[in-house]
Amino acid sequence: MTITYTFLGKGGTGRTTIAFATAKKYASLGKRVLFVGQEPTPTLSLLLGANISPEPTEIDSNLKAVNIQAASLLESGWEELKKLEAEYIRTPFFKKVYGQELGVLPGVEGILTINVMRGYSASGEYDLIIYDGTGDKETLRLLGSAETMSWYIRRFRQVILDSDLYKAMSPFVQPVSSAILNVDWTGDNFSQPLQKANELLDNAKAAIADPNQVAAFLVTTDDKVAIATAKYLWGSAQQVNLTVGGVILNQADLADNVTDEFAPLSVTPIPRSSTEDWQPLMDALPDFSQAVKAPKPIIIDIKKVK
């Protein structure tokens, strides 16, 4: 089973450095690791010391890296959509639009990212995936997108089925669909894709809620703003049912006030180090598998609240 770790924290706390050091550590232990970044500038390639492309590239023994680009994901996803359209529509019209023409709409990047991450995890090629996203609310919104999309499907499907418009149009659907579709209009034909989508979303929600599959770690310095941001993201992670496995105190010595701020999470201090020599940083990292022992997110069952 593939495990995914991600890191949350204020910009400038060294999240990407910690993430890559984690990838190198587990690769050195014999784990098959994929480092996933989302950096449009050359910064990531310079840090990793290799040219990172939108396709997984081997940069060290047991270690591959990929730099996710929304435009390339949209292009490949559009081609898949056209194949699906051809299965159902007699005269496909999406074929006249090419993926290279499309712009990335707000919110679409998160859906594309979660889908490609699912593919990497399901491929069986990796023991560990390190996801180096924005490390803020956007990362949490991405991880919570499965729950959001699942709610929209459940809620609006029933609303449409109960609407007067749907009831009025139902008698005309069969003859019209027979003229333009390759398949008969039946509940089974169109419930299968919807059921598959729901299964994928349910699997994604279950994975995010399971620290044996997905866990986050807070990265902070001893700066008050960085600590406050990390605490805010810790609370926000609760809302997407994501387990926070611990705190990495970067470039600072452990102090009682920091420990108290994040209790009961474990806090691991990381000394100042240079990226020219990764070994001291790798040695200072915690045992990330301890995330399974971290406090679980609080779940409130509204139906049982009196």
C-alpha atoms as a PDB file:
ATOM      1  CA  MET A   1       0.000   0.000   0.000  1.00  0.00           C
ATOM      2  CA  THR A   2       1.318   3.425  -0.979  1.00  0.00           C
ATOM      3  CA  ILE A   3       1.662   6.061   1.738  1.00  0.00           C
ATOM      4  CA  THR A   4       1.410   9.788   1.012  1.00  0.00           C
ATOM      5  CA  TYR A   5       2.958  12.486   3.200  1.00  0.00           C
ATOM      6  CA  THR A   6       2.514  16.219   2.748  1.00  0.00           C
ATOM      7  CA  PHE A   7       3.768  19.231   4.675  1.00  0.00           C
ATOM      8  CA  LEU A   8       1.846  22.273   5.899  1.00  0.00           C
ATOM      9  CA  GLY A   9       3.217  25.590   7.058  1.00  0.00           C
ATOM     10  CA  LYS A  10       3.909  29.226   6.358  1.00  0.00           C
ATOM     11  CA  GLY A  11       5.954  30.083   3.286  1.00  0.00           C
ATOM     12  CA  GLY A  12       9.638  30.496   4.044  1.00  0.00           C
ATOM     13  CA  THR A  13       9.784  27.860   6.785  1.00  0.00           C
ATOM     14  CA  GLY A  14      11.620  25.367   4.579  1.00  0.00           C
ATOM     15  CA  ARG A  15       8.722  23.062   3.718  1.00  0.00           C
ATOM     16  CA  THR A  16      10.088  22.041   0.321  1.00  0.00           C
ATOM     17  CA  THR A  17      13.551  21.386   1.756  1.00  0.00           C
ATOM     18  CA  ILE A  18      12.065  19.216   4.515  1.00  0.00           C
ATOM     19  CA  ALA A  19       9.854  17.413   1.998  1.00  0.00           C
ATOM     20  CA  PHE A  20      12.745  16.558  -0.306  1.00  0.00           C
ATOM     21  CA  ALA A  21      14.971  15.514   2.599  1.00  0.00           C
ATOM     22  CA  THR A  22      12.177  13.145   3.647  1.00  0.00           C
ATOM     23  CA  ALA A  23      12.042  11.707   0.137  1.00  0.00           C
ATOM     24  CA  LYS A  24      15.816  11.188   0.102  1.00  0.00           C
ATOM     25  CA  LYS A  25      15.748   9.594   3.555  1.00  0.00           C
ATOM     26  CA  TYR A  26      13.214   6.934   2.642  1.00  0.00           C
ATOM     27  CA  ALA A  27      14.803   6.311  -0.752  1.00  0.00           C
ATOM     28  CA  SER A  28      18.093   5.628   1.039  1.00  0.00           C
ATOM     29  CA  LEU A  29      16.234   3.076   3.183  1.00  0.00           C
ATOM     30  CA  GLY A  30      15.174   1.168   0.069  1.00  0.00           C
ATOM     31  CA  LYS A  31      11.667   2.579  -0.333  1.00  0.00           C
ATOM     32  CA  ARG A  32      10.423   3.418  -3.827  1.00  0.00           C
ATOM     33  CA  VAL A  33       9.712   7.125  -3.501  1.00  0.00           C
ATOM     34  CA  LEU A  34       7.988   9.658  -5.759  1.00  0.00           C
ATOM     35  CA  PHE A  35       8.482  13.340  -4.975  1.00  0.00           C
ATOM     36  CA  VAL A  36       5.572  15.388  -6.371  1.00  0.00           C
ATOM     37  CA  GLY A  37       5.998  19.142  -6.735  1.00  0.00           C
ATOM     38  CA  GLN A  38       3.843  21.926  -8.172  1.00  0.00           C
ATOM     39  CA  GLU A  39       6.327  24.684  -8.891  1.00  0.00           C
ATOM     40  CA  PRO A  40       5.975  26.596 -12.190  1.00  0.00           C
ATOM     41  CA  THR A  41       9.378  28.298 -11.779  1.00  0.00           C
ATOM     42  CA  PRO A  42      12.803  26.585 -12.086  1.00  0.00           C
ATOM     43  CA  THR A  43      13.170  26.671  -8.281  1.00  0.00           C
ATOM     44  CA  LEU A  44      12.326  23.013  -7.788  1.00  0.00           C
ATOM     45  CA  SER A  45      14.781  21.784 -10.402  1.00  0.00           C
ATOM     46  CA  LEU A  46      17.537  23.922  -8.890  1.00  0.00           C
ATOM     47  CA  LEU A  47      16.876  22.592  -5.387  1.00  0.00           C
ATOM     48  CA  LEU A  48      16.753  18.967  -6.502  1.00  0.00           C
ATOM     49  CA  GLY A  49      19.736  19.344  -8.795  1.00  0.00           C
ATOM     50  CA  ALA A  50      17.925  17.809 -11.765  1.00  0.00           C
ATOM     51  CA  ASN A  51      15.543  18.841 -14.517  1.00  0.00           C
ATOM     52  CA  ILE A  52      12.070  17.929 -13.225  1.00  0.00           C
ATOM     53  CA  SER A  53       9.407  17.430 -15.904  1.00  0.00           C
ATOM     54  CA  PRO A  54       5.630  16.754 -15.839  1.00  0.00           C
ATOM     55  CA  GLU A  55       6.470  13.043 -16.100  1.00  0.00           C
ATOM     56  CA  PRO A  56       8.137  11.041 -13.281  1.00  0.00           C
ATOM     57  CA  THR A  57      11.901  11.265 -13.743  1.00  0.00           C
ATOM     58  CA  GLU A  58      14.491   9.200 -11.881  1.00  0.00           C
ATOM     59  CA  ILE A  59      16.884  11.519 -10.048  1.00  0.00           C
ATOM     60  CA  ASP A  60      18.496   9.059  -7.635  1.00  0.00           C
ATOM     61  CA  SER A  61      18.393   5.429  -6.602  1.00  0.00           C
ATOM     62  CA  ASN A  62      14.792   4.537  -5.616  1.00  0.00           C
ATOM     63  CA  LEU A  63      13.795   8.188  -6.060  1.00  0.00           C
ATOM     64  CA  LYS A  64      11.729   9.755  -8.826  1.00  0.00           C
ATOM     65  CA  ALA A  65      10.391  13.292  -9.049  1.00  0.00           C
ATOM     66  CA  VAL A  66       7.617  14.919 -11.029  1.00  0.00           C
ATOM     67  CA  ASN A  67       6.546  18.546 -11.336  1.00  0.00           C
ATOM     68  CA  ILE A  68       2.793  18.645 -11.879  1.00  0.00           C
ATOM     69  CA  GLN A  69       1.667  21.253 -14.398  1.00  0.00           C
ATOM     70  CA  ALA A  70      -2.063  21.960 -14.635  1.00  0.00           C
ATOM     71  CA  ALA A  71      -1.928  22.724 -18.358  1.00  0.00           C
ATOM     72  CA  SER A  72      -0.437  19.344 -19.291  1.00  0.00           C
ATOM     73  CA  LEU A  73      -2.851  17.543 -16.955  1.00  0.00           C
ATOM     74  CA  LEU A  74      -5.777  19.367 -18.544  1.00  0.00           C
ATOM     75  CA  GLU A  75      -4.588  18.425 -22.017  1.00  0.00           C
ATOM     76  CA  SER A  76      -4.333  14.708 -21.210  1.00  0.00           C
ATOM     77  CA  GLY A  77      -7.613  14.797 -19.280  1.00  0.00           C
ATOM     78  CA  TRP A  78      -9.355  16.414 -22.246  1.00  0.00           C
ATOM     79  CA  GLU A  79      -8.239  13.575 -24.505  1.00  0.00           C
ATOM     80  CA  GLU A  80      -9.717  11.063 -22.052  1.00  0.00           C
ATOM     81  CA  LEU A  81     -12.969  13.034 -22.016  1.00  0.00           C
ATOM     82  CA  LYS A  82     -13.158  12.908 -25.819  1.00  0.00           C
ATOM     83  CA  LYS A  83     -12.732   9.125 -25.735  1.00  0.00           C
ATOM     84  CA  LEU A  84     -15.584   8.874 -23.232  1.00  0.00           C
ATOM     85  CA  GLU A  85     -17.748  11.166 -25.359  1.00  0.00           C
ATOM     86  CA  ALA A  86     -17.185   8.950 -28.412  1.00  0.00           C
ATOM     87  CA  GLU A  87     -18.596   5.961 -26.511  1.00  0.00           C
ATOM     88  CA  TYR A  88     -21.955   7.681 -25.988  1.00  0.00           C
ATOM     89  CA  ILE A  89     -22.431  10.313 -28.704  1.00  0.00           C
ATOM     90  CA  ARG A  90     -23.079   9.362 -32.352  1.00  0.00           C
ATOM     91  CA  THR A  91     -21.493  12.565 -33.652  1.00  0.00           C
ATOM     92  CA  PRO A  92     -18.912  13.755 -31.114  1.00  0.00           C
ATOM     93  CA  PHE A  93     -18.388  17.512 -31.043  1.00  0.00           C
ATOM     94  CA  PHE A  94     -15.549  17.779 -28.485  1.00  0.00           C
ATOM     95  CA  LYS A  95     -13.190  16.414 -31.142  1.00  0.00           C
ATOM     96  CA  LYS A  96     -13.099  19.875 -32.710  1.00  0.00           C
ATOM     97  CA  VAL A  97     -11.561  21.339 -29.553  1.00  0.00           C
ATOM     98  CA  TYR A  98      -7.954  20.550 -28.664  1.00  0.00           C
ATOM     99  CA  GLY A  99      -6.486  20.340 -25.191  1.00  0.00           C
ATOM    100  CA  GLN A 100      -3.776  22.857 -26.066  1.00  0.00           C
ATOM    101  CA  GLU A 101      -6.481  25.505 -26.542  1.00  0.00           C
ATOM    102  CA  LEU A 102      -7.944  25.183 -23.073  1.00  0.00           C
ATOM    103  CA  GLY A 103      -7.232  27.452 -20.136  1.00  0.00           C
ATOM    104  CA  VAL A 104      -7.301  26.183 -16.554  1.00  0.00           C
ATOM    105  CA  LEU A 105     -10.447  27.422 -14.811  1.00  0.00           C
ATOM    106  CA  PRO A 106     -10.429  28.181 -11.062  1.00  0.00           C
ATOM    107  CA  GLY A 107     -10.820  24.990  -9.043  1.00  0.00           C
ATOM    108  CA  VAL A 108      -9.985  22.677 -11.936  1.00  0.00           C
ATOM    109  CA  GLU A 109      -6.304  22.397 -11.006  1.00  0.00           C
ATOM    110  CA  GLY A 110      -7.187  20.769  -7.683  1.00  0.00           C
ATOM    111  CA  ILE A 111      -9.390  18.161  -9.355  1.00  0.00           C
ATOM    112  CA  LEU A 112      -6.688  17.361 -11.906  1.00  0.00           C
ATOM    113  CA  THR A 113      -4.038  17.090  -9.197  1.00  0.00           C
ATOM    114  CA  ILE A 114      -6.036  14.766  -6.954  1.00  0.00           C
ATOM    115  CA  ASN A 115      -6.773  12.566  -9.965  1.00  0.00           C
ATOM    116  CA  VAL A 116      -3.138  12.230 -11.028  1.00  0.00           C
ATOM    117  CA  MET A 117      -2.107  11.600  -7.411  1.00  0.00           C
ATOM    118  CA  ARG A 118      -4.685   8.819  -7.263  1.00  0.00           C
ATOM    119  CA  GLY A 119      -3.138   7.321 -10.387  1.00  0.00           C
ATOM    120  CA  TYR A 120       0.368   7.387  -8.924  1.00  0.00           C
ATOM    121  CA  SER A 121      -0.854   5.769  -5.718  1.00  0.00           C
ATOM    122  CA  ALA A 122      -2.841   3.055  -7.512  1.00  0.00           C
ATOM    123  CA  SER A 123      -0.014   2.206  -9.925  1.00  0.00           C
ATOM    124  CA  GLY A 124       1.818   0.083  -7.362  1.00  0.00           C
ATOM    125  CA  GLU A 125       5.136   1.589  -8.495  1.00  0.00           C
ATOM    126  CA  TYR A 126       5.769   3.526  -5.288  1.00  0.00           C
ATOM    127  CA  ASP A 127       5.924   2.766  -1.583  1.00  0.00           C
ATOM    128  CA  LEU A 128       5.869   6.424  -0.615  1.00  0.00           C
ATOM    129  CA  ILE A 129       4.675   9.639  -2.268  1.00  0.00           C
ATOM    130  CA  ILE A 130       5.857  12.990  -0.935  1.00  0.00           C
ATOM    131  CA  TYR A 131       3.466  15.717  -2.061  1.00  0.00           C
ATOM    132  CA  ASP A 132       5.035  19.168  -1.910  1.00  0.00           C
ATOM    133  CA  GLY A 133       2.093  21.432  -2.630  1.00  0.00           C
ATOM    134  CA  THR A 134       1.472  24.987  -1.527  1.00  0.00           C
ATOM    135  CA  GLY A 135       1.338  23.769   2.067  1.00  0.00           C
ATOM    136  CA  ASP A 136      -1.525  26.085   2.982  1.00  0.00           C
ATOM    137  CA  LYS A 137      -5.315  26.242   2.668  1.00  0.00           C
ATOM    138  CA  GLU A 138      -5.048  25.383  -1.035  1.00  0.00           C
ATOM    139  CA  THR A 139      -3.457  22.032  -0.203  1.00  0.00           C
ATOM    140  CA  LEU A 140      -6.169  21.327   2.352  1.00  0.00           C
ATOM    141  CA  ARG A 141      -8.855  22.388  -0.117  1.00  0.00           C
ATOM    142  CA  LEU A 142      -7.358  19.983  -2.641  1.00  0.00           C
ATOM    143  CA  LEU A 143      -7.360  17.113  -0.143  1.00  0.00           C
ATOM    144  CA  GLY A 144     -10.933  17.941   0.804  1.00  0.00           C
ATOM    145  CA  SER A 145     -12.144  18.132  -2.808  1.00  0.00           C
ATOM    146  CA  ALA A 146     -13.270  14.489  -2.774  1.00  0.00           C
ATOM    147  CA  GLU A 147     -15.697  15.210   0.059  1.00  0.00           C
ATOM    148  CA  THR A 148     -16.904  18.391  -1.641  1.00  0.00           C
ATOM    149  CA  MET A 149     -17.516  16.752  -5.020  1.00  0.00           C
ATOM    150  CA  SER A 150     -19.217  13.785  -3.374  1.00  0.00           C
ATOM    151  CA  TRP A 151     -21.631  16.134  -1.603  1.00  0.00           C
ATOM    152  CA  TYR A 152     -22.457  17.981  -4.839  1.00  0.00           C
ATOM    153  CA  ILE A 153     -23.182  14.726  -6.667  1.00  0.00           C
ATOM    154  CA  ARG A 154     -25.413  13.405  -3.892  1.00  0.00           C
ATOM    155  CA  ARG A 155     -27.256  16.653  -3.290  1.00  0.00           C
ATOM    156  CA  PHE A 156     -27.878  17.931  -6.794  1.00  0.00           C
ATOM    157  CA  ARG A 157     -28.625  14.555  -8.342  1.00  0.00           C
ATOM    158  CA  GLN A 158     -31.609  14.185  -6.044  1.00  0.00           C
ATOM    159  CA  VAL A 159     -32.645  17.817  -6.545  1.00  0.00           C
ATOM    160  CA  ILE A 160     -32.710  17.313 -10.328  1.00  0.00           C
ATOM    161  CA  LEU A 161     -34.626  14.032 -10.080  1.00  0.00           C
ATOM    162  CA  ASP A 162     -37.262  15.673  -7.868  1.00  0.00           C
ATOM    163  CA  SER A 163     -37.630  18.792 -10.027  1.00  0.00           C
ATOM    164  CA  ASP A 164     -40.733  19.497 -12.117  1.00  0.00           C
ATOM    165  CA  LEU A 165     -38.495  20.211 -15.122  1.00  0.00           C
ATOM    166  CA  TYR A 166     -37.002  16.717 -15.019  1.00  0.00           C
ATOM    167  CA  LYS A 167     -40.430  15.117 -14.636  1.00  0.00           C
ATOM    168  CA  ALA A 168     -41.794  17.132 -17.565  1.00  0.00           C
ATOM    169  CA  MET A 169     -38.852  16.309 -19.834  1.00  0.00           C
ATOM    170  CA  SER A 170     -38.610  12.594 -18.988  1.00  0.00           C
ATOM    171  CA  PRO A 171     -41.115  11.380 -21.637  1.00  0.00           C
ATOM    172  CA  PHE A 172     -39.103  13.078 -24.402  1.00  0.00           C
ATOM    173  CA  VAL A 173     -35.677  11.854 -23.307  1.00  0.00           C
ATOM    174  CA  GLN A 174     -35.883   8.367 -24.823  1.00  0.00           C
ATOM    175  CA  PRO A 175     -36.689   9.325 -28.461  1.00  0.00           C
ATOM    176  CA  VAL A 176     -34.247  12.258 -28.485  1.00  0.00           C
ATOM    177  CA  SER A 177     -31.416  10.257 -26.931  1.00  0.00           C
ATOM    178  CA  SER A 178     -31.918   7.430 -29.429  1.00  0.00           C
ATOM    179  CA  ALA A 179     -31.208   9.871 -32.241  1.00  0.00           C
ATOM    180  CA  ILE A 180     -27.944  11.246 -30.877  1.00  0.00           C
ATOM    181  CA  LEU A 181     -26.509   8.549 -28.598  1.00  0.00           C
ATOM    182  CA  ASN A 182     -24.719   5.295 -29.331  1.00  0.00           C
ATOM    183  CA  VAL A 183     -26.454   3.587 -26.406  1.00  0.00           C
ATOM    184  CA  ASP A 184     -30.033   3.210 -25.201  1.00  0.00           C
ATOM    185  CA  TRP A 185     -31.110   5.652 -22.515  1.00  0.00           C
ATOM    186  CA  THR A 186     -31.562   3.471 -19.469  1.00  0.00           C
ATOM    187  CA  GLY A 187     -30.806   3.950 -15.824  1.00  0.00           C
ATOM    188  CA  ASP A 188     -28.054   1.348 -15.926  1.00  0.00           C
ATOM    189  CA  ASN A 189     -26.185   3.012 -18.800  1.00  0.00           C
ATOM    190  CA  PHE A 190     -25.796   6.306 -17.035  1.00  0.00           C
ATOM    191  CA  SER A 191     -25.776   5.198 -13.422  1.00  0.00           C
ATOM    192  CA  GLN A 192     -22.602   3.169 -13.982  1.00  0.00           C
ATOM    193  CA  PRO A 193     -20.322   6.182 -14.650  1.00  0.00           C
ATOM    194  CA  LEU A 194     -21.920   8.002 -11.722  1.00  0.00           C
ATOM    195  CA  GLN A 195     -21.487   4.982  -9.480  1.00  0.00           C
ATOM    196  CA  LYS A 196     -17.845   4.674 -10.533  1.00  0.00           C
ATOM    197  CA  ALA A 197     -17.279   8.349  -9.754  1.00  0.00           C
ATOM    198  CA  ASN A 198     -18.840   7.900  -6.322  1.00  0.00           C
ATOM    199  CA  GLU A 199     -16.640   4.878  -5.645  1.00  0.00           C
ATOM    200  CA  LEU A 200     -13.513   6.839  -6.575  1.00  0.00           C
ATOM    201  CA  LEU A 201     -14.556   9.698  -4.310  1.00  0.00           C
ATOM    202  CA  ASP A 202     -15.377   7.346  -1.438  1.00  0.00           C
ATOM    203  CA  ASN A 203     -11.984   5.667  -1.803  1.00  0.00           C
ATOM    204  CA  ALA A 204     -10.267   9.060  -1.800  1.00  0.00           C
ATOM    205  CA  LYS A 205     -12.133  10.143   1.341  1.00  0.00           C
ATOM    206  CA  ALA A 206     -11.260   6.887   3.091  1.00  0.00           C
ATOM    207  CA  ALA A 207      -7.581   7.248   2.158  1.00  0.00           C
ATOM    208  CA  ILE A 208      -7.349  10.821   3.452  1.00  0.00           C
ATOM    209  CA  ALA A 209      -8.966   9.777   6.725  1.00  0.00           C
ATOM    210  CA  ASP A 210      -6.506   6.887   7.192  1.00  0.00           C
ATOM    211  CA  PRO A 211      -3.051   7.902   8.547  1.00  0.00           C
ATOM    212  CA  ASN A 212      -1.722   4.606   7.229  1.00  0.00           C
ATOM    213  CA  GLN A 213      -2.327   6.036   3.748  1.00  0.00           C
ATOM    214  CA  VAL A 214      -2.211   9.835   4.021  1.00  0.00           C
ATOM    215  CA  ALA A 215      -0.783  12.104   6.716  1.00  0.00           C
ATOM    216  CA  ALA A 216       0.374  15.700   7.018  1.00  0.00           C
ATOM    217  CA  PHE A 217       3.158  17.231   9.087  1.00  0.00           C
ATOM    218  CA  LEU A 218       3.447  20.830  10.219  1.00  0.00           C
ATOM    219  CA  VAL A 219       6.642  22.733   9.430  1.00  0.00           C
ATOM    220  CA  THR A 220       7.453  25.879  11.397  1.00  0.00           C
ATOM    221  CA  THR A 221      10.301  27.956  12.755  1.00  0.00           C
ATOM    222  CA  ASP A 222      10.380  29.624  16.175  1.00  0.00           C
ATOM    223  CA  ASP A 223       8.849  32.745  14.604  1.00  0.00           C
ATOM    224  CA  LYS A 224       5.514  33.674  16.201  1.00  0.00           C
ATOM    225  CA  VAL A 225       3.770  34.173  12.861  1.00  0.00           C
ATOM    226  CA  ALA A 226       5.017  30.812  11.562  1.00  0.00           C
ATOM    227  CA  ILE A 227       3.823  29.078  14.734  1.00  0.00           C
ATOM    228  CA  ALA A 228       0.404  30.748  14.533  1.00  0.00           C
ATOM    229  CA  THR A 229       0.074  29.756  10.864  1.00  0.00           C
ATOM    230  CA  ALA A 230       0.994  26.146  11.627  1.00  0.00           C
ATOM    231  CA  LYS A 231      -1.600  26.002  14.419  1.00  0.00           C
ATOM    232  CA  TYR A 232      -4.232  27.449  12.088  1.00  0.00           C
ATOM    233  CA  LEU A 233      -3.460  24.817   9.439  1.00  0.00           C
ATOM    234  CA  TRP A 234      -3.555  22.106  12.114  1.00  0.00           C
ATOM    235  CA  GLY A 235      -7.105  23.139  12.960  1.00  0.00           C
ATOM    236  CA  SER A 236      -8.048  23.475   9.301  1.00  0.00           C
ATOM    237  CA  ALA A 237      -6.825  19.935   8.591  1.00  0.00           C
ATOM    238  CA  GLN A 238      -9.507  18.706  10.984  1.00  0.00           C
ATOM    239  CA  GLN A 239     -12.161  19.939   8.576  1.00  0.00           C
ATOM    240  CA  VAL A 240     -10.996  17.616   5.792  1.00  0.00           C
ATOM    241  CA  ASN A 241     -10.470  14.685   8.190  1.00  0.00           C
ATOM    242  CA  LEU A 242      -6.693  14.747   7.643  1.00  0.00           C
ATOM    243  CA  THR A 243      -4.400  13.434  10.371  1.00  0.00           C
ATOM    244  CA  VAL A 244      -1.524  15.718  11.370  1.00  0.00           C
ATOM    245  CA  GLY A 245       1.253  13.397  12.490  1.00  0.00           C
ATOM    246  CA  GLY A 246       3.647  15.824  14.147  1.00  0.00           C
ATOM    247  CA  VAL A 247       5.544  19.092  14.019  1.00  0.00           C
ATOM    248  CA  ILE A 248       8.953  19.819  12.503  1.00  0.00           C
ATOM    249  CA  LEU A 249      10.635  22.824  14.108  1.00  0.00           C
ATOM    250  CA  ASN A 250      13.016  23.906  11.382  1.00  0.00           C
ATOM    251  CA  GLN A 251      16.265  25.810  11.970  1.00  0.00           C
ATOM    252  CA  ALA A 252      15.624  26.255  15.680  1.00  0.00           C
ATOM    253  CA  ASP A 253      16.256  24.647  19.050  1.00  0.00           C
ATOM    254  CA  LEU A 254      13.415  22.998  20.908  1.00  0.00           C
ATOM    255  CA  ALA A 255      11.816  25.267  23.505  1.00  0.00           C
ATOM    256  CA  ASP A 256       9.074  24.618  26.046  1.00  0.00           C
ATOM    257  CA  ASN A 257       6.819  27.314  24.612  1.00  0.00           C
ATOM    258  CA  VAL A 258       6.827  25.621  21.185  1.00  0.00           C
ATOM    259  CA  THR A 259       6.151  22.207  22.705  1.00  0.00           C
ATOM    260  CA  ASP A 260       3.231  23.627  24.674  1.00  0.00           C
ATOM    261  CA  GLU A 261       1.770  25.320  21.601  1.00  0.00           C
ATOM    262  CA  PHE A 262       1.451  22.019  19.737  1.00  0.00           C
ATOM    263  CA  ALA A 263       0.693  19.562  22.538  1.00  0.00           C
ATOM    264  CA  PRO A 264      -0.089  16.671  22.260  1.00  0.00           C
ATOM    265  CA  LEU A 265       1.769  16.481  18.918  1.00  0.00           C
ATOM    266  CA  SER A 266       5.436  15.542  18.984  1.00  0.00           C
ATOM    267  CA  VAL A 267       7.842  18.339  17.999  1.00  0.00           C
ATOM    268  CA  THR A 268      11.126  17.494  16.260  1.00  0.00           C
ATOM    269  CA  PRO A 269      13.810  20.222  16.106  1.00  0.00           C
ATOM    270  CA  ILE A 270      15.874  20.427  12.924  1.00  0.00           C
ATOM    271  CA  PRO A 271      19.249  22.226  13.088  1.00  0.00           C
ATOM    272  CA  ARG A 272      20.412  24.663  10.441  1.00  0.00           C
ATOM    273  CA  SER A 273      21.966  22.799   7.545  1.00  0.00           C
ATOM    274  CA  SER A 274      23.033  23.243   3.946  1.00  0.00           C
ATOM    275  CA  THR A 275      21.341  21.603   0.978  1.00  0.00           C
ATOM    276  CA  GLU A 276      24.817  20.840  -0.337  1.00  0.00           C
ATOM    277  CA  ASP A 277      24.946  18.044   2.250  1.00  0.00           C
ATOM    278  CA  TRP A 278      21.557  16.429   2.818  1.00  0.00           C
ATOM    279  CA  GLN A 279      22.681  13.742   5.259  1.00  0.00           C
ATOM    280  CA  PRO A 280      22.582  15.787   8.518  1.00  0.00           C
ATOM    281  CA  LEU A 281      19.081  16.955   7.648  1.00  0.00           C
ATOM    282  CA  MET A 282      17.962  13.427   6.768  1.00  0.00           C
ATOM    283  CA  ASP A 283      19.352  12.102  10.057  1.00  0.00           C
ATOM    284  CA  ALA A 284      17.485  14.736  12.077  1.00  0.00           C
ATOM    285  CA  LEU A 285      14.070  13.931  10.620  1.00  0.00           C
ATOM    286  CA  PRO A 286      11.527  12.080  12.772  1.00  0.00           C
ATOM    287  CA  ASP A 287      10.027   8.643  12.210  1.00  0.00           C
ATOM    288  CA  PHE A 288       7.074   9.641  10.061  1.00  0.00           C
ATOM    289  CA  SER A 289       5.349   6.293  10.555  1.00  0.00           C
ATOM    290  CA  GLN A 290       4.452   7.509  14.049  1.00  0.00           C
ATOM    291  CA  ALA A 291       1.636   9.480  12.410  1.00  0.00           C
ATOM    292  CA  VAL A 292      -0.651   6.507  13.040  1.00  0.00           C
ATOM    293  CA  LYS A 293      -0.367   7.259  16.778  1.00  0.00           C
ATOM    294  CA  ALA A 294      -1.239  10.944  16.407  1.00  0.00           C
ATOM    295  CA  PRO A 295      -4.629  12.260  17.597  1.00  0.00           C
ATOM    296  CA  LYS A 296      -7.346  11.650  15.030  1.00  0.00           C
ATOM    297  CA  PRO A 297      -9.431  14.532  13.659  1.00  0.00           C
ATOM    298  CA  ILE A 298     -12.587  15.240  15.626  1.00  0.00           C
ATOM    299  CA  ILE A 299     -15.751  14.115  13.843  1.00  0.00           C
ATOM    300  CA  ILE A 300     -19.099  15.611  14.864  1.00  0.00           C
ATOM    301  CA  ASP A 301     -22.140  13.511  13.989  1.00  0.00           C
ATOM    302  CA  ILE A 302     -24.796  16.179  13.515  1.00  0.00           C
ATOM    303  CA  LYS A 303     -27.591  13.597  13.362  1.00  0.00           C
ATOM    304  CA  LYS A 304     -26.795  12.521  16.920  1.00  0.00           C
ATOM    305  CA  VAL A 305     -26.543  16.055  18.281  1.00  0.00           C
ATOM    306  CA  LYS A 306     -29.659  16.866  20.281  1.00  0.00           C
END
